[in-house]
N, C-alpha and C. Protein backbone atom coordinates (compact mmCIF):
# COMPACT_ATOMS: atom_id res chain seq x y z
N ASP A 1 23.54 17.75 -16.53
CA ASP A 1 23.66 19.31 -16.58
C ASP A 1 22.67 19.81 -15.33
N THR A 2 23.73 19.94 -14.06
CA THR A 2 23.17 20.28 -12.98
C THR A 2 22.95 21.85 -12.69
N GLU A 3 23.31 22.47 -13.60
CA GLU A 3 22.90 24.14 -13.55
C GLU A 3 21.51 23.99 -14.27
N LEU A 4 21.16 23.14 -15.10
CA LEU A 4 19.88 23.14 -15.82
C LEU A 4 18.79 22.33 -14.81
N PHE A 5 19.28 21.07 -14.50
CA PHE A 5 18.38 20.55 -13.62
C PHE A 5 18.60 20.55 -12.06
N SER A 6 18.00 21.47 -11.43
CA SER A 6 17.95 21.53 -9.99
C SER A 6 16.68 22.04 -9.78
N SER A 7 16.49 22.26 -8.13
CA SER A 7 15.28 22.64 -7.17
C SER A 7 14.75 24.16 -7.48
N VAL A 8 15.76 24.80 -8.18
CA VAL A 8 15.68 26.14 -8.39
C VAL A 8 14.73 26.40 -9.42
N GLN A 9 13.54 26.45 -9.46
CA GLN A 9 12.73 26.55 -10.71
C GLN A 9 11.32 27.38 -10.47
N GLU A 10 11.21 27.96 -11.28
CA GLU A 10 9.86 28.64 -11.26
C GLU A 10 8.39 28.18 -11.39
N THR A 11 7.75 27.07 -10.61
CA THR A 11 6.98 26.22 -10.65
C THR A 11 5.52 26.81 -10.50
N GLY A 12 5.01 27.85 -9.84
CA GLY A 12 4.00 28.27 -9.60
C GLY A 12 3.01 28.61 -10.88
N LEU A 13 3.53 29.13 -12.05
CA LEU A 13 2.84 29.15 -13.11
C LEU A 13 2.29 27.99 -13.93
N LEU A 14 3.52 27.01 -13.94
CA LEU A 14 3.31 25.71 -14.35
C LEU A 14 1.83 25.06 -13.67
N ARG A 15 2.15 25.00 -12.49
CA ARG A 15 1.08 24.54 -11.63
C ARG A 15 -0.36 24.87 -11.71
N SER A 16 -0.64 26.42 -12.17
CA SER A 16 -1.62 27.14 -12.57
C SER A 16 -1.83 26.69 -13.86
N LYS A 17 -1.21 26.63 -14.89
CA LYS A 17 -1.51 26.40 -16.29
C LYS A 17 -2.12 24.98 -16.42
N LEU A 18 -1.78 23.65 -15.22
CA LEU A 18 -1.84 22.13 -15.49
C LEU A 18 -3.34 22.13 -14.66
N ASN A 19 -3.65 23.17 -13.93
CA ASN A 19 -4.83 23.35 -13.09
C ASN A 19 -4.55 22.28 -12.12
N LEU A 20 -3.42 22.21 -11.29
CA LEU A 20 -3.18 20.89 -10.49
C LEU A 20 -3.57 21.04 -9.04
N GLY A 21 -3.99 22.68 -8.72
CA GLY A 21 -4.45 22.85 -7.27
C GLY A 21 -3.12 22.96 -6.20
N PRO A 22 -3.56 22.76 -5.07
CA PRO A 22 -2.45 22.83 -3.89
C PRO A 22 -2.02 21.55 -3.61
N GLY A 23 -2.43 20.49 -3.89
CA GLY A 23 -2.15 19.12 -3.70
C GLY A 23 -0.79 18.64 -3.74
N PRO A 24 -0.19 17.63 -3.58
CA PRO A 24 1.08 16.96 -3.80
C PRO A 24 0.62 16.41 -5.45
N VAL A 25 2.01 16.50 -6.07
CA VAL A 25 2.14 15.87 -7.41
C VAL A 25 2.81 14.65 -7.74
N VAL A 26 2.34 13.55 -8.16
CA VAL A 26 3.36 12.45 -8.53
C VAL A 26 3.46 12.16 -10.01
N TYR A 27 4.76 12.32 -10.38
CA TYR A 27 5.10 12.42 -11.93
C TYR A 27 5.86 10.86 -12.46
N SER A 28 5.25 10.53 -13.20
CA SER A 28 5.79 9.09 -14.32
C SER A 28 6.31 9.91 -15.38
N PRO A 29 7.65 9.83 -15.53
CA PRO A 29 8.13 10.89 -16.57
C PRO A 29 8.71 9.75 -17.71
N ARG A 30 8.48 8.54 -17.79
CA ARG A 30 8.95 7.47 -18.58
C ARG A 30 8.03 7.43 -19.61
N ALA A 31 8.35 6.83 -21.09
CA ALA A 31 7.59 6.81 -22.12
C ALA A 31 6.14 5.78 -21.88
N PHE A 32 5.25 6.06 -22.79
CA PHE A 32 4.26 4.88 -22.72
C PHE A 32 4.40 3.55 -23.71
N THR A 33 5.19 2.97 -22.80
CA THR A 33 5.43 1.39 -23.11
C THR A 33 5.10 0.27 -21.97
N PRO A 34 4.94 -0.81 -22.41
CA PRO A 34 4.63 -1.76 -21.40
C PRO A 34 5.89 -1.96 -20.66
N THR A 35 6.92 -1.77 -20.87
CA THR A 35 8.41 -2.14 -19.97
C THR A 35 8.19 -0.90 -18.87
N TYR A 36 7.55 0.22 -18.76
CA TYR A 36 7.45 1.13 -17.78
C TYR A 36 6.42 0.71 -17.13
N ASN A 37 5.63 0.10 -17.13
CA ASN A 37 4.73 -0.17 -16.22
C ASN A 37 3.48 1.05 -15.78
N GLN A 38 3.19 1.75 -16.93
CA GLN A 38 2.41 2.75 -16.49
C GLN A 38 0.96 2.30 -16.32
N MET A 39 0.47 1.58 -16.71
CA MET A 39 -0.70 0.61 -16.59
C MET A 39 -0.80 0.27 -15.02
N THR A 40 -0.01 -0.43 -14.48
CA THR A 40 0.14 -0.71 -12.89
C THR A 40 0.29 0.64 -12.28
N ILE A 41 0.95 1.69 -12.68
CA ILE A 41 0.87 2.84 -11.99
C ILE A 41 -0.69 3.55 -12.22
N ALA A 42 -1.32 3.26 -12.83
CA ALA A 42 -2.60 3.97 -13.41
C ALA A 42 -3.61 3.06 -12.24
N GLU A 43 -3.67 1.80 -12.18
CA GLU A 43 -4.25 1.13 -10.92
C GLU A 43 -4.18 1.50 -9.61
N ALA A 44 -2.96 2.15 -9.17
CA ALA A 44 -2.40 2.62 -7.91
C ALA A 44 -3.25 3.73 -7.28
N ILE A 45 -3.57 4.52 -8.79
CA ILE A 45 -4.13 5.87 -8.48
C ILE A 45 -5.51 5.79 -7.35
N PRO A 46 -6.37 5.13 -7.98
CA PRO A 46 -7.67 5.22 -6.66
C PRO A 46 -7.19 5.02 -5.47
N GLU A 47 -6.65 4.02 -5.19
CA GLU A 47 -6.02 4.00 -3.67
C GLU A 47 -5.33 5.33 -3.04
N VAL A 48 -4.28 5.70 -3.75
CA VAL A 48 -4.03 7.29 -3.60
C VAL A 48 -5.09 8.13 -3.26
N LEU A 49 -6.00 8.29 -4.15
CA LEU A 49 -6.76 9.54 -4.03
C LEU A 49 -7.94 9.43 -2.89
N ARG A 50 -7.95 7.87 -2.36
CA ARG A 50 -8.81 7.65 -1.37
C ARG A 50 -8.26 8.30 -0.29
N ALA A 51 -6.91 8.38 0.04
CA ALA A 51 -6.34 8.92 1.07
C ALA A 51 -5.92 10.47 0.76
N ILE A 52 -5.54 10.68 -0.18
CA ILE A 52 -5.58 12.06 -0.36
C ILE A 52 -6.14 12.53 -1.72
N PRO A 53 -7.17 12.79 -1.70
CA PRO A 53 -8.20 13.56 -2.76
C PRO A 53 -7.59 14.46 -3.64
N GLU A 54 -6.51 15.50 -3.16
CA GLU A 54 -6.01 16.70 -3.87
C GLU A 54 -5.34 16.10 -4.70
N CYS A 55 -4.20 15.10 -4.41
CA CYS A 55 -3.30 14.39 -5.28
C CYS A 55 -3.52 14.67 -6.72
N ARG A 56 -2.30 14.81 -7.50
CA ARG A 56 -2.55 14.87 -8.87
C ARG A 56 -1.35 14.12 -9.62
N PHE A 57 -1.64 13.75 -10.64
CA PHE A 57 -0.78 12.65 -11.40
C PHE A 57 -0.39 13.09 -12.82
N LEU A 58 0.94 13.19 -13.25
CA LEU A 58 1.35 13.63 -14.05
C LEU A 58 1.97 12.25 -15.22
N PHE A 59 1.97 12.34 -16.38
CA PHE A 59 2.05 11.11 -17.06
C PHE A 59 2.86 11.94 -18.33
N GLN A 60 3.92 11.15 -18.86
CA GLN A 60 4.67 11.74 -19.91
C GLN A 60 4.76 11.15 -21.44
N ARG A 61 4.39 11.67 -22.51
CA ARG A 61 4.46 11.45 -23.55
C ARG A 61 6.25 11.53 -23.92
N ARG A 62 6.79 10.76 -24.60
CA ARG A 62 8.31 10.98 -25.21
C ARG A 62 8.08 10.28 -26.53
N ALA A 63 9.23 10.94 -27.16
CA ALA A 63 9.23 10.53 -28.58
C ALA A 63 9.92 9.58 -28.82
N ASP A 64 10.81 8.99 -27.81
CA ASP A 64 11.15 7.63 -27.95
C ASP A 64 10.64 6.68 -27.14
N PHE A 65 10.42 5.44 -27.99
CA PHE A 65 9.90 4.28 -27.13
C PHE A 65 8.38 4.87 -27.29
N HIS A 66 7.85 5.64 -27.71
CA HIS A 66 6.40 5.76 -27.51
C HIS A 66 5.53 4.73 -28.39
N ARG A 67 4.50 4.14 -27.51
CA ARG A 67 3.51 3.15 -28.06
C ARG A 67 2.26 3.46 -27.95
N PRO A 68 1.76 4.29 -28.82
CA PRO A 68 0.58 5.00 -28.85
C PRO A 68 -0.71 3.81 -28.41
N GLU A 69 -0.68 2.70 -28.85
CA GLU A 69 -1.92 2.03 -28.48
C GLU A 69 -1.88 1.47 -27.05
N TYR A 70 -0.58 1.57 -26.46
CA TYR A 70 -0.51 1.54 -25.01
C TYR A 70 -1.00 2.39 -24.29
N GLU A 71 -0.67 3.92 -24.75
CA GLU A 71 -1.35 5.09 -24.20
C GLU A 71 -2.73 5.06 -23.91
N VAL A 72 -3.33 4.89 -25.18
CA VAL A 72 -5.04 4.74 -25.33
C VAL A 72 -5.10 3.56 -24.21
N GLN A 73 -4.68 2.49 -23.70
CA GLN A 73 -5.01 1.36 -22.94
C GLN A 73 -5.25 2.24 -21.53
N VAL A 74 -4.06 2.73 -21.58
CA VAL A 74 -3.84 3.58 -19.83
C VAL A 74 -4.95 4.56 -19.72
N GLN A 75 -5.28 5.47 -20.66
CA GLN A 75 -6.31 6.35 -20.74
C GLN A 75 -7.51 5.83 -20.56
N GLN A 76 -7.88 4.79 -21.43
CA GLN A 76 -9.06 3.87 -21.27
C GLN A 76 -9.22 3.61 -19.39
N LYS A 77 -8.17 3.00 -18.82
CA LYS A 77 -8.11 2.53 -17.22
C LYS A 77 -8.11 3.58 -16.64
N PHE A 78 -7.74 4.93 -16.73
CA PHE A 78 -8.03 6.31 -15.91
C PHE A 78 -9.83 6.48 -16.22
N GLU A 79 -10.26 6.46 -17.24
CA GLU A 79 -11.50 7.00 -17.53
C GLU A 79 -12.65 5.75 -16.85
N TYR A 80 -12.08 4.47 -16.95
CA TYR A 80 -12.81 3.18 -16.38
C TYR A 80 -12.80 3.55 -14.81
N GLN A 81 -11.49 4.00 -13.90
CA GLN A 81 -11.54 4.10 -12.71
C GLN A 81 -12.14 5.34 -12.12
N GLY A 82 -12.46 6.19 -13.40
CA GLY A 82 -13.22 7.36 -12.87
C GLY A 82 -12.00 8.56 -12.17
N VAL A 83 -10.98 8.47 -12.63
CA VAL A 83 -9.60 9.33 -12.40
C VAL A 83 -9.26 10.34 -13.24
N ASN A 84 -10.18 10.69 -14.14
CA ASN A 84 -9.34 11.56 -15.34
C ASN A 84 -8.97 12.93 -14.42
N HIS A 85 -9.85 13.24 -13.70
CA HIS A 85 -9.80 14.87 -12.99
C HIS A 85 -8.30 14.97 -12.54
N ALA A 86 -7.94 13.62 -12.21
CA ALA A 86 -6.52 13.78 -10.99
C ALA A 86 -5.36 13.51 -12.14
N VAL A 87 -5.76 13.52 -13.25
CA VAL A 87 -4.50 12.99 -14.17
C VAL A 87 -4.15 14.10 -15.53
N ARG A 88 -2.98 14.35 -15.70
CA ARG A 88 -2.71 15.30 -16.75
C ARG A 88 -1.36 14.55 -17.56
N ILE A 89 -1.50 14.29 -18.98
CA ILE A 89 -0.92 13.99 -19.80
C ILE A 89 0.00 14.68 -20.42
N LEU A 90 1.14 15.02 -20.44
CA LEU A 90 2.00 16.05 -20.81
C LEU A 90 2.80 15.65 -22.14
N PRO A 91 2.60 16.35 -23.29
CA PRO A 91 3.17 16.38 -24.46
C PRO A 91 4.59 15.90 -24.23
N SER A 92 5.24 15.39 -25.45
CA SER A 92 6.63 15.22 -25.48
C SER A 92 7.27 16.72 -25.48
N MET A 93 8.34 16.96 -24.97
CA MET A 93 9.03 18.23 -24.63
C MET A 93 10.38 17.96 -25.04
N LYS A 94 11.28 19.26 -24.94
CA LYS A 94 12.60 19.22 -25.34
C LYS A 94 13.17 18.89 -23.76
N TYR A 95 14.26 18.27 -23.91
CA TYR A 95 15.41 18.15 -22.52
C TYR A 95 15.43 19.31 -22.03
N GLU A 96 15.45 20.55 -22.26
CA GLU A 96 15.78 21.82 -21.64
C GLU A 96 14.55 22.16 -20.72
N ASP A 97 13.32 21.84 -21.12
CA ASP A 97 12.02 22.01 -20.90
C ASP A 97 11.56 21.20 -19.54
N MET A 98 12.60 20.14 -19.50
CA MET A 98 11.77 19.28 -18.29
C MET A 98 12.12 19.54 -16.83
N PRO A 99 13.00 20.48 -16.33
CA PRO A 99 13.24 20.58 -15.07
C PRO A 99 12.01 21.44 -14.17
N PRO A 100 11.55 22.26 -14.88
CA PRO A 100 10.39 22.35 -13.87
C PRO A 100 9.37 21.59 -13.61
N PHE A 101 9.09 20.28 -14.56
CA PHE A 101 8.16 19.58 -14.08
C PHE A 101 8.59 18.50 -13.13
N TYR A 102 9.99 18.33 -13.09
CA TYR A 102 10.72 17.55 -11.72
C TYR A 102 10.50 18.14 -10.80
N ALA A 103 10.83 19.69 -10.40
CA ALA A 103 10.79 20.34 -9.56
C ALA A 103 9.34 20.80 -8.98
N LEU A 104 8.46 20.49 -9.59
CA LEU A 104 7.10 20.55 -9.29
C LEU A 104 6.61 19.42 -8.47
N SER A 105 7.03 18.21 -8.80
CA SER A 105 6.79 16.94 -8.19
C SER A 105 7.14 16.42 -6.80
N ASN A 106 6.27 16.36 -6.21
CA ASN A 106 6.80 15.63 -4.81
C ASN A 106 7.43 14.24 -5.14
N VAL A 107 7.04 13.54 -5.79
CA VAL A 107 7.06 12.18 -5.94
C VAL A 107 7.42 11.93 -7.31
N ILE A 108 8.63 10.94 -8.07
CA ILE A 108 8.58 10.80 -9.20
C ILE A 108 8.40 8.83 -9.33
N VAL A 109 7.93 8.44 -9.80
CA VAL A 109 7.55 7.28 -10.17
C VAL A 109 8.09 6.31 -11.30
N SER A 110 9.33 5.34 -11.05
CA SER A 110 9.92 4.77 -12.17
C SER A 110 9.80 3.35 -11.94
N VAL A 111 9.11 2.58 -12.56
CA VAL A 111 8.78 1.17 -12.06
C VAL A 111 9.20 0.27 -13.16
N ALA A 112 10.22 0.64 -13.99
CA ALA A 112 10.38 -0.24 -15.37
C ALA A 112 10.54 -1.76 -14.71
N SER A 113 10.37 -2.89 -15.57
CA SER A 113 10.43 -4.25 -15.59
C SER A 113 12.04 -4.66 -15.79
N HIS A 114 12.63 -3.88 -16.57
CA HIS A 114 13.89 -4.00 -16.70
C HIS A 114 14.76 -2.68 -17.36
N GLU A 115 16.04 -2.46 -16.88
CA GLU A 115 16.75 -1.52 -17.59
C GLU A 115 18.03 -1.01 -16.45
N GLY A 116 18.81 -0.52 -17.13
CA GLY A 116 19.90 0.22 -16.49
C GLY A 116 19.63 1.25 -15.86
N MET A 117 20.53 2.25 -15.56
CA MET A 117 20.35 3.62 -14.75
C MET A 117 19.46 4.50 -15.52
N PRO A 118 18.30 4.79 -15.05
CA PRO A 118 17.58 5.89 -16.15
C PRO A 118 18.18 7.15 -15.91
N ARG A 119 18.10 7.87 -17.15
CA ARG A 119 18.58 9.22 -17.18
C ARG A 119 17.50 10.15 -16.48
N SER A 120 16.33 9.59 -16.43
CA SER A 120 15.00 10.38 -16.16
C SER A 120 14.92 10.43 -14.72
N VAL A 121 15.58 9.29 -13.89
CA VAL A 121 15.48 9.19 -12.59
C VAL A 121 16.69 10.22 -12.08
N LEU A 122 17.93 9.98 -12.72
CA LEU A 122 18.76 11.11 -12.36
C LEU A 122 18.51 12.53 -12.37
N GLU A 123 17.94 12.82 -13.32
CA GLU A 123 17.09 14.16 -13.71
C GLU A 123 16.35 14.63 -12.44
N ALA A 124 15.62 13.53 -12.20
CA ALA A 124 14.24 14.03 -11.01
C ALA A 124 14.79 14.23 -9.61
N MET A 125 16.24 13.36 -9.37
CA MET A 125 16.79 13.31 -8.22
C MET A 125 17.63 14.71 -8.21
N ALA A 126 18.43 15.41 -9.21
CA ALA A 126 18.71 16.45 -9.15
C ALA A 126 17.89 17.54 -8.75
N CYS A 127 16.57 17.53 -9.35
CA CYS A 127 15.67 18.40 -8.99
C CYS A 127 14.64 18.43 -8.05
N GLY A 128 15.19 17.55 -6.96
CA GLY A 128 14.52 17.22 -5.55
C GLY A 128 13.43 16.15 -5.36
N ALA A 129 12.87 15.87 -6.80
CA ALA A 129 11.78 14.94 -6.42
C ALA A 129 12.31 13.60 -5.84
N PHE A 130 11.52 13.03 -5.25
CA PHE A 130 11.43 11.82 -4.29
C PHE A 130 11.41 10.64 -5.47
N PRO A 131 12.43 9.71 -5.55
CA PRO A 131 12.03 8.71 -6.26
C PRO A 131 11.37 7.12 -5.78
N ILE A 132 10.61 6.66 -6.41
CA ILE A 132 10.23 5.61 -6.23
C ILE A 132 10.37 4.65 -7.36
N VAL A 133 10.90 3.67 -7.16
CA VAL A 133 11.67 2.83 -8.42
C VAL A 133 11.45 1.11 -8.00
N SER A 134 11.70 0.57 -9.25
CA SER A 134 11.69 -0.89 -9.04
C SER A 134 13.01 -1.37 -8.62
N ASP A 135 12.89 -2.74 -8.17
CA ASP A 135 14.02 -3.42 -7.48
C ASP A 135 15.26 -3.77 -8.71
N LEU A 136 15.66 -2.98 -9.02
CA LEU A 136 16.87 -3.30 -10.13
C LEU A 136 18.48 -3.10 -9.72
N PRO A 137 19.13 -3.51 -10.15
CA PRO A 137 20.56 -3.87 -9.80
C PRO A 137 21.05 -2.33 -9.81
N ALA A 138 20.92 -1.29 -11.13
CA ALA A 138 21.46 -0.28 -11.35
C ALA A 138 21.01 0.92 -10.41
N LEU A 139 19.46 0.82 -9.95
CA LEU A 139 19.03 1.26 -9.13
C LEU A 139 19.59 1.46 -7.75
N ARG A 140 19.73 0.09 -7.54
CA ARG A 140 20.13 -0.05 -5.97
C ARG A 140 21.46 0.37 -5.64
N GLU A 141 22.19 0.51 -6.54
CA GLU A 141 23.52 1.09 -6.62
C GLU A 141 23.63 2.34 -5.81
N TRP A 142 22.52 3.50 -6.25
CA TRP A 142 22.54 4.50 -5.92
C TRP A 142 21.28 5.14 -4.85
N ILE A 143 20.24 4.26 -4.95
CA ILE A 143 19.12 4.47 -4.00
C ILE A 143 18.77 3.59 -3.07
N THR A 144 18.99 3.85 -1.56
CA THR A 144 18.79 2.98 -0.53
C THR A 144 17.37 2.99 0.10
N ASP A 145 16.64 1.88 -0.01
CA ASP A 145 15.35 2.08 0.34
C ASP A 145 15.05 2.46 1.61
N GLY A 146 14.25 3.50 1.90
CA GLY A 146 13.83 4.22 3.05
C GLY A 146 14.90 5.51 3.34
N GLU A 147 16.02 5.28 2.63
CA GLU A 147 16.57 6.55 2.88
C GLU A 147 16.38 7.58 2.25
N ASN A 148 17.04 7.45 1.13
CA ASN A 148 17.01 8.63 -0.30
C ASN A 148 15.98 8.26 -1.69
N GLY A 149 15.13 7.11 -1.40
CA GLY A 149 14.16 6.84 -1.94
C GLY A 149 13.34 5.53 -1.59
N LEU A 150 12.26 4.86 -2.16
CA LEU A 150 11.67 3.84 -1.85
C LEU A 150 11.66 2.84 -3.10
N ILE A 151 12.20 1.52 -2.81
CA ILE A 151 12.19 0.76 -3.79
C ILE A 151 11.20 -0.39 -3.56
N VAL A 152 10.12 -0.75 -4.49
CA VAL A 152 9.18 -1.44 -4.63
C VAL A 152 9.39 -2.98 -5.11
N ASN A 153 9.54 -4.12 -4.24
CA ASN A 153 10.38 -5.27 -5.02
C ASN A 153 9.23 -6.02 -5.62
N SER A 154 8.20 -5.59 -5.77
CA SER A 154 7.26 -6.25 -6.94
C SER A 154 6.24 -4.86 -7.58
N VAL A 155 6.04 -5.18 -8.92
CA VAL A 155 5.30 -3.94 -9.60
C VAL A 155 4.01 -4.38 -9.49
N GLU A 156 3.41 -3.89 -8.33
CA GLU A 156 2.21 -4.17 -8.26
C GLU A 156 1.28 -2.71 -7.67
N PRO A 157 0.13 -2.70 -8.10
CA PRO A 157 -0.76 -1.39 -7.63
C PRO A 157 -0.66 -1.18 -6.29
N GLU A 158 -0.89 -2.11 -5.47
CA GLU A 158 -0.86 -1.72 -3.80
C GLU A 158 0.52 -1.47 -3.36
N GLN A 159 1.30 -2.10 -4.02
CA GLN A 159 2.67 -1.59 -3.57
C GLN A 159 3.27 -0.29 -4.14
N ILE A 160 2.69 0.02 -4.99
CA ILE A 160 2.90 1.44 -5.54
C ILE A 160 2.16 2.34 -4.92
N ALA A 161 1.14 2.08 -4.69
CA ALA A 161 -0.18 2.89 -3.68
C ALA A 161 0.85 3.07 -2.42
N ASN A 162 0.88 2.37 -1.93
CA ASN A 162 1.64 2.34 -0.25
C ASN A 162 2.93 3.14 -0.47
N ALA A 163 3.57 2.87 -1.29
CA ALA A 163 4.88 3.75 -1.54
C ALA A 163 4.75 4.98 -1.83
N ILE A 164 3.73 5.23 -2.50
CA ILE A 164 3.41 6.96 -2.93
C ILE A 164 2.83 7.51 -1.19
N LEU A 165 1.88 6.68 -0.97
CA LEU A 165 1.20 7.25 0.43
C LEU A 165 2.37 7.47 1.43
N TYR A 166 3.30 6.73 1.33
CA TYR A 166 4.46 6.61 2.82
C TYR A 166 5.43 7.91 2.55
N ALA A 167 5.56 8.09 1.21
CA ALA A 167 6.20 8.91 0.89
C ALA A 167 5.73 10.60 1.05
N LEU A 168 4.61 10.64 0.72
CA LEU A 168 3.87 11.76 0.70
C LEU A 168 3.36 12.08 2.31
N SER A 169 3.41 11.32 3.16
CA SER A 169 3.36 11.40 4.52
C SER A 169 4.48 11.59 5.39
N ASN A 170 5.49 11.59 4.56
CA ASN A 170 6.87 11.44 5.39
C ASN A 170 7.78 12.73 4.89
N THR A 171 7.35 13.78 5.34
CA THR A 171 8.33 15.03 4.90
C THR A 171 9.78 15.01 5.07
N ALA A 172 9.88 14.80 6.55
CA ALA A 172 11.26 14.66 6.95
C ALA A 172 12.17 13.46 5.98
N LEU A 173 11.32 12.69 5.76
CA LEU A 173 12.21 11.51 4.59
C LEU A 173 12.61 12.06 3.34
N THR A 174 11.44 12.86 2.73
CA THR A 174 11.45 13.13 1.18
C THR A 174 12.82 14.74 1.33
N HIS A 175 12.53 15.41 2.44
CA HIS A 175 13.35 16.65 2.46
C HIS A 175 14.79 15.98 2.68
N GLY A 176 14.86 15.27 3.38
CA GLY A 176 16.73 14.65 3.70
C GLY A 176 16.90 14.09 2.48
N ALA A 177 15.86 13.32 1.76
CA ALA A 177 16.36 12.72 0.25
C ALA A 177 16.73 13.67 -0.33
N SER A 178 16.09 14.77 -0.64
CA SER A 178 16.39 15.58 -1.65
C SER A 178 17.80 16.24 -1.52
N GLN A 179 18.08 16.44 -0.37
CA GLN A 179 19.66 17.09 -0.11
C GLN A 179 20.68 15.82 -0.50
N THR A 180 20.43 14.64 -0.08
CA THR A 180 21.06 13.52 -0.25
C THR A 180 21.25 13.25 -1.77
N ASN A 181 20.39 13.18 -2.50
CA ASN A 181 20.09 13.03 -4.08
C ASN A 181 20.91 13.95 -4.74
N ARG A 182 20.58 15.38 -4.42
CA ARG A 182 21.79 16.50 -5.03
C ARG A 182 23.08 16.28 -4.89
N GLU A 183 23.62 15.65 -3.72
CA GLU A 183 24.77 15.47 -3.25
C GLU A 183 25.30 14.15 -4.47
N ILE A 184 24.65 13.15 -4.49
CA ILE A 184 24.87 12.17 -5.17
C ILE A 184 25.01 12.46 -7.03
N ILE A 185 24.20 13.22 -7.11
CA ILE A 185 24.24 13.87 -8.43
C ILE A 185 25.39 14.78 -8.93
N GLU A 186 25.64 15.51 -7.88
CA GLU A 186 26.59 16.54 -8.45
C GLU A 186 28.26 15.54 -8.39
N GLN A 187 28.11 14.90 -7.18
CA GLN A 187 29.23 14.16 -7.01
C GLN A 187 29.66 12.87 -7.99
N HIS A 188 28.80 12.75 -8.86
CA HIS A 188 29.03 11.15 -9.44
C HIS A 188 28.28 11.05 -10.96
N PHE A 189 27.46 12.09 -11.31
CA PHE A 189 26.86 12.22 -12.19
C PHE A 189 26.96 13.75 -13.03
N SER A 190 27.12 14.53 -12.62
CA SER A 190 27.12 15.70 -13.29
C SER A 190 28.09 16.05 -14.63
N HIS A 191 27.59 17.01 -15.53
CA HIS A 191 28.91 17.25 -16.73
C HIS A 191 29.98 17.65 -15.86
N SER A 192 30.07 18.69 -14.89
CA SER A 192 31.27 19.36 -14.47
C SER A 192 32.18 18.39 -13.87
N PHE A 193 31.38 17.31 -13.02
CA PHE A 193 32.42 16.34 -12.46
C PHE A 193 33.12 15.68 -13.49
N TRP A 194 32.50 15.12 -14.71
CA TRP A 194 33.15 14.35 -15.41
C TRP A 194 34.05 14.86 -16.25
N LEU A 195 33.87 16.53 -16.56
CA LEU A 195 34.69 17.19 -17.36
C LEU A 195 36.01 17.47 -16.51
N GLN A 196 35.87 17.64 -15.02
CA GLN A 196 36.98 17.96 -14.35
C GLN A 196 37.69 16.29 -14.22
N ARG A 197 36.77 15.30 -13.97
CA ARG A 197 37.60 14.06 -14.14
C ARG A 197 38.41 13.69 -15.31
N LEU A 198 37.88 14.20 -16.47
CA LEU A 198 38.62 13.91 -17.67
C LEU A 198 39.71 14.59 -17.82
N ASP A 199 39.89 15.84 -17.31
CA ASP A 199 40.93 16.46 -17.36
C ASP A 199 41.97 16.05 -16.40
N GLU A 200 42.06 15.37 -15.04
CA GLU A 200 42.59 15.12 -14.40
C GLU A 200 43.09 13.97 -15.11
N LEU A 201 42.61 13.00 -15.97
CA LEU A 201 43.13 11.69 -16.37
C LEU A 201 44.00 12.38 -17.46
N TYR A 202 43.57 13.30 -18.32
CA TYR A 202 44.34 13.70 -19.21
C TYR A 202 45.77 14.23 -18.63
N LYS A 203 45.97 15.11 -17.88
CA LYS A 203 46.87 15.36 -17.08
C LYS A 203 47.86 14.35 -16.76
N LEU A 204 47.17 13.52 -16.16
CA LEU A 204 47.81 12.17 -15.49
C LEU A 204 48.70 11.40 -16.53
N ALA A 205 47.77 11.22 -17.81
CA ALA A 205 48.40 10.68 -19.10
C ALA A 205 49.71 11.39 -19.57
N VAL A 206 49.40 12.84 -19.81
CA VAL A 206 50.29 13.49 -20.15
C VAL A 206 51.72 13.49 -19.43
N ALA A 207 51.43 13.41 -17.92
CA ALA A 207 52.81 13.49 -17.23
C ALA A 207 53.28 12.31 -17.24
N GLY A 208 52.81 11.19 -17.63
CA GLY A 208 53.13 9.93 -17.61
C GLY A 208 54.06 9.48 -18.92
N LYS A 209 54.02 10.39 -19.78
CA LYS A 209 54.83 10.39 -21.24
C LYS A 209 55.78 11.25 -21.05
N SER A 210 55.87 12.14 -20.02
CA SER A 210 57.12 12.99 -20.13
C SER A 210 58.22 12.37 -19.18
């Protein structure tokens, strides 16, 4: 839904409510489960904070695929590393409540070990967040490394941290990617595009029978 998911969102109140300060925001919108490698993202946080102390990190509980025991392990990693002050864990929320969180974020990190094309990455791209993703075929079809996103070729803390820091220090890259990604979503993944396409196919089918 490209009308719902867009960069035109009120984020100031949300930033204040979450006590994020003025710094950049990195968002991991995937469910807490080992497939999505939140532990590795957590291990990348200290290196990012050494370079950008004001950076803040959002993690997302989701009703689907949630593994509470894995979330506890990730939270223990935050505490052990002394980064709790820079982390916010968001509750599970409704689909229509997600856009401001994407729009608030400078970067989203989705580094699954295996999957198809994740809807959360598409939603983030529609809202202007810069994607950092793992090297999977479905993602490479739409994200070109160094152009409209960054692809990490191995899910390791150092690679993730380096990718985050590179993205946050290259505003020209992220700004250009925001425009490119919005066009990709509108032209290939939006509800309106597919409704129009289905209408065209229906008319062709009807014309073929007459």
